[in-house]
């Protein structure tokens, strides 16, 4: 009986180790083997092109072929710059453009980053995706005062099945059209 148990455990360990050893080489192909610093470059190594990853309202820091994602001016960004890599991390393998792995201190920050499109600002609050046109009066009012009295909600209608919220139905339609055509 003990040999059978050992054989089963050995097989299980072998499967786990084999799974850990295999990776999808295409997922990090754009940055594989590139050691990066805060500026996105390392000495004697190719420069990491940040252009396809940049989004308004976010600060990205390239590190070891992965991108740290922070909201501009956030306390988490300031702490990261002062103290370095935090103990608490959220990691989303291959979630970024060209399969780049994204890291942050909060899952919501990565979700907001992923769902932000040009000319749009998204904010996740209580698991719902608020959508605003960039630079709009509605966005400024939301940031200053919080949820507006008049709002439109569409359960499960947003990216990744998220509930969409906004101040106008037309804005939600336009955002989803932009999302689907990205």
Protein backbone atom coordinates (compact mmCIF):
# COMPACT_ATOMS: atom_id res chain seq x y z
CA UNK A 1 0.00 0.00 0.00
CA UNK A 2 2.73 2.48 0.85
CA UNK A 3 4.45 1.97 -2.53
CA UNK A 4 1.18 2.69 -4.34
CA UNK A 5 0.74 5.87 -2.30
CA UNK A 6 4.32 6.95 -3.01
CA UNK A 7 3.85 6.28 -6.73
CA UNK A 8 0.69 8.39 -6.81
CA UNK A 9 2.38 11.23 -4.89
CA UNK A 10 5.42 11.05 -7.17
CA UNK A 11 3.19 11.26 -10.23
CA UNK A 12 1.29 14.22 -8.77
CA UNK A 13 4.52 16.08 -7.95
CA UNK A 14 5.84 15.36 -11.45
CA UNK A 15 2.69 16.75 -13.06
CA UNK A 16 2.82 19.90 -10.93
CA UNK A 17 6.50 20.46 -11.69
CA UNK A 18 5.95 19.86 -15.41
CA UNK A 19 3.11 22.38 -15.39
CA UNK A 20 5.31 24.95 -13.67
CA UNK A 21 8.12 24.40 -16.16
CA UNK A 22 6.00 24.95 -19.25
CA UNK A 23 5.11 28.48 -20.22
CA UNK A 24 3.49 30.11 -23.17
CA UNK A 25 6.48 31.73 -24.83
CA UNK A 26 4.24 34.11 -26.76
CA UNK A 27 2.73 35.68 -23.63
CA UNK A 28 5.81 37.67 -22.66
CA UNK A 29 7.54 37.52 -26.05
CA UNK A 30 7.70 41.29 -26.36
CA UNK A 31 9.71 41.67 -23.17
CA UNK A 32 11.15 38.22 -22.42
CA UNK A 33 14.59 38.39 -20.90
CA UNK A 34 14.67 42.15 -20.69
CA UNK A 35 15.63 43.51 -17.27
CA UNK A 36 13.97 46.91 -16.94
CA UNK A 37 14.16 49.77 -14.50
CA UNK A 38 11.82 52.70 -13.77
CA UNK A 39 12.62 54.33 -17.10
CA UNK A 40 11.82 51.18 -19.06
CA UNK A 41 15.42 50.53 -20.11
CA UNK A 42 18.43 48.62 -18.89
CA UNK A 43 22.06 48.93 -19.77
CA UNK A 44 23.16 46.87 -22.78
CA UNK A 45 19.62 45.55 -23.34
CA UNK A 46 16.79 46.44 -25.71
CA UNK A 47 14.57 49.36 -24.73
CA UNK A 48 11.03 48.44 -23.67
CA UNK A 49 8.51 50.39 -25.77
CA UNK A 50 6.06 51.91 -23.30
CA UNK A 51 3.97 53.66 -25.98
CA UNK A 52 1.35 50.93 -26.54
CA UNK A 53 0.82 50.60 -22.77
CA UNK A 54 0.45 54.23 -21.74
CA UNK A 55 -3.00 55.45 -20.71
CA UNK A 56 -4.05 58.81 -19.35
CA UNK A 57 -4.38 58.85 -15.58
CA UNK A 58 -1.96 55.97 -14.97
CA UNK A 59 1.72 55.67 -14.16
CA UNK A 60 3.48 52.56 -15.43
CA UNK A 61 6.79 51.27 -14.11
CA UNK A 62 8.51 48.50 -16.03
CA UNK A 63 10.29 45.90 -13.95
CA UNK A 64 11.60 42.51 -15.10
CA UNK A 65 9.40 42.52 -18.20
CA UNK A 66 6.25 43.28 -16.22
CA UNK A 67 4.40 46.54 -15.70
CA UNK A 68 3.47 47.99 -12.35
CA UNK A 69 0.24 50.00 -12.73
CA UNK A 70 -0.65 52.93 -10.46
CA UNK A 71 -3.17 55.76 -10.62
CA UNK A 72 -1.45 59.13 -11.07
CA UNK A 73 -0.91 60.83 -7.72
CA UNK A 74 -2.01 57.80 -5.68
CA UNK A 75 -0.66 57.03 -2.23
CA UNK A 76 0.32 53.56 -3.51
CA UNK A 77 2.53 55.14 -6.19
CA UNK A 78 4.22 57.42 -3.67
CA UNK A 79 4.84 54.48 -1.32
CA UNK A 80 6.22 52.35 -4.18
CA UNK A 81 8.62 55.11 -5.24
CA UNK A 82 9.75 55.63 -1.64
CA UNK A 83 9.92 52.05 -0.38
CA UNK A 84 10.07 49.83 -3.46
CA UNK A 85 8.04 46.74 -4.19
CA UNK A 86 5.21 46.23 -1.66
CA UNK A 87 4.49 42.95 0.10
CA UNK A 88 0.85 43.01 -1.03
CA UNK A 89 0.59 42.58 -4.80
CA UNK A 90 -1.98 41.68 -7.41
CA UNK A 91 -0.54 40.01 -10.50
CA UNK A 92 -2.40 39.48 -13.77
CA UNK A 93 -0.30 37.36 -16.13
CA UNK A 94 -0.56 38.35 -19.80
CA UNK A 95 -3.37 40.86 -19.11
CA UNK A 96 -1.71 43.82 -20.81
CA UNK A 97 -1.03 44.75 -24.40
CA UNK A 98 1.09 42.11 -26.20
CA UNK A 99 0.59 39.72 -23.29
CA UNK A 100 2.56 41.77 -20.78
CA UNK A 101 1.99 40.84 -17.14
CA UNK A 102 0.45 43.60 -15.03
CA UNK A 103 1.11 44.15 -11.32
CA UNK A 104 -0.44 46.53 -8.83
CA UNK A 105 -1.33 46.89 -5.19
CA UNK A 106 -5.08 46.68 -5.90
CA UNK A 107 -7.10 44.57 -8.31
CA UNK A 108 -9.36 47.54 -9.04
CA UNK A 109 -6.40 49.56 -10.32
CA UNK A 110 -5.61 46.89 -12.91
CA UNK A 111 -9.31 46.63 -13.86
CA UNK A 112 -9.53 50.41 -14.28
CA UNK A 113 -6.35 50.39 -16.36
CA UNK A 114 -7.57 47.57 -18.61
CA UNK A 115 -11.00 49.14 -19.15
CA UNK A 116 -9.73 52.69 -19.79
CA UNK A 117 -9.89 53.63 -23.46
CA UNK A 118 -8.68 56.78 -25.24
CA UNK A 119 -11.06 59.67 -24.47
CA UNK A 120 -12.64 57.73 -21.58
CA UNK A 121 -12.05 57.51 -17.84
CA UNK A 122 -13.25 54.49 -15.87
CA UNK A 123 -13.54 54.21 -12.11
CA UNK A 124 -14.46 51.04 -10.26
CA UNK A 125 -16.60 51.57 -7.21
CA UNK A 126 -18.26 48.70 -5.33
CA UNK A 127 -17.46 46.36 -8.22
CA UNK A 128 -19.23 48.55 -10.77
CA UNK A 129 -17.56 50.32 -13.67
CA UNK A 130 -18.28 54.04 -13.81
CA UNK A 131 -17.69 55.43 -17.31
CA UNK A 132 -17.02 59.09 -18.09
CA UNK A 133 -15.82 61.03 -21.10
CA UNK A 134 -12.31 62.31 -20.37
CA UNK A 135 -12.32 65.92 -19.24
CA UNK A 136 -16.11 66.07 -18.86
CA UNK A 137 -17.93 68.16 -16.27
CA UNK A 138 -19.63 64.97 -15.07
CA UNK A 139 -16.25 63.39 -14.30
CA UNK A 140 -15.07 66.47 -12.40
CA UNK A 141 -18.31 66.54 -10.42
CA UNK A 142 -18.06 62.79 -9.66
CA UNK A 143 -14.48 63.16 -8.41
CA UNK A 144 -15.48 66.11 -6.23
CA UNK A 145 -18.91 65.05 -4.93
CA UNK A 146 -19.23 61.30 -5.52
CA UNK A 147 -22.15 59.46 -7.10
CA UNK A 148 -24.63 61.69 -8.92
CA UNK A 149 -28.33 61.54 -8.08
CA UNK A 150 -29.18 60.88 -11.74
CA UNK A 151 -27.41 57.81 -13.09
CA UNK A 152 -27.83 54.96 -15.55
CA UNK A 153 -26.92 51.40 -14.59
CA UNK A 154 -26.60 48.38 -16.89
CA UNK A 155 -25.98 45.15 -14.97
CA UNK A 156 -23.48 42.78 -16.62
CA UNK A 157 -23.34 44.91 -19.79
CA UNK A 158 -19.74 46.10 -19.53
CA UNK A 159 -16.35 44.62 -20.27
CA UNK A 160 -15.81 41.23 -18.63
CA UNK A 161 -19.47 41.20 -17.53
CA UNK A 162 -19.09 44.20 -15.24
CA UNK A 163 -22.04 46.40 -14.36
CA UNK A 164 -21.78 49.73 -16.20
CA UNK A 165 -22.75 53.01 -14.57
CA UNK A 166 -22.76 56.51 -15.94
CA UNK A 167 -24.71 59.74 -16.09
CA UNK A 168 -26.09 59.27 -19.61
CA UNK A 169 -27.21 56.25 -21.57
CA UNK A 170 -25.55 57.68 -24.70
CA UNK A 171 -22.19 57.70 -22.95
CA UNK A 172 -22.52 54.03 -22.01
CA UNK A 173 -23.46 53.15 -25.61
CA UNK A 174 -20.51 55.11 -26.99
CA UNK A 175 -18.09 53.57 -24.49
CA UNK A 176 -19.20 50.02 -25.31
CA UNK A 177 -18.92 50.74 -29.05
CA UNK A 178 -15.36 51.97 -28.45
CA UNK A 179 -14.63 48.92 -26.26
CA UNK A 180 -15.88 46.48 -28.91
CA UNK A 181 -13.90 48.17 -31.70
CA UNK A 182 -10.59 48.34 -29.81
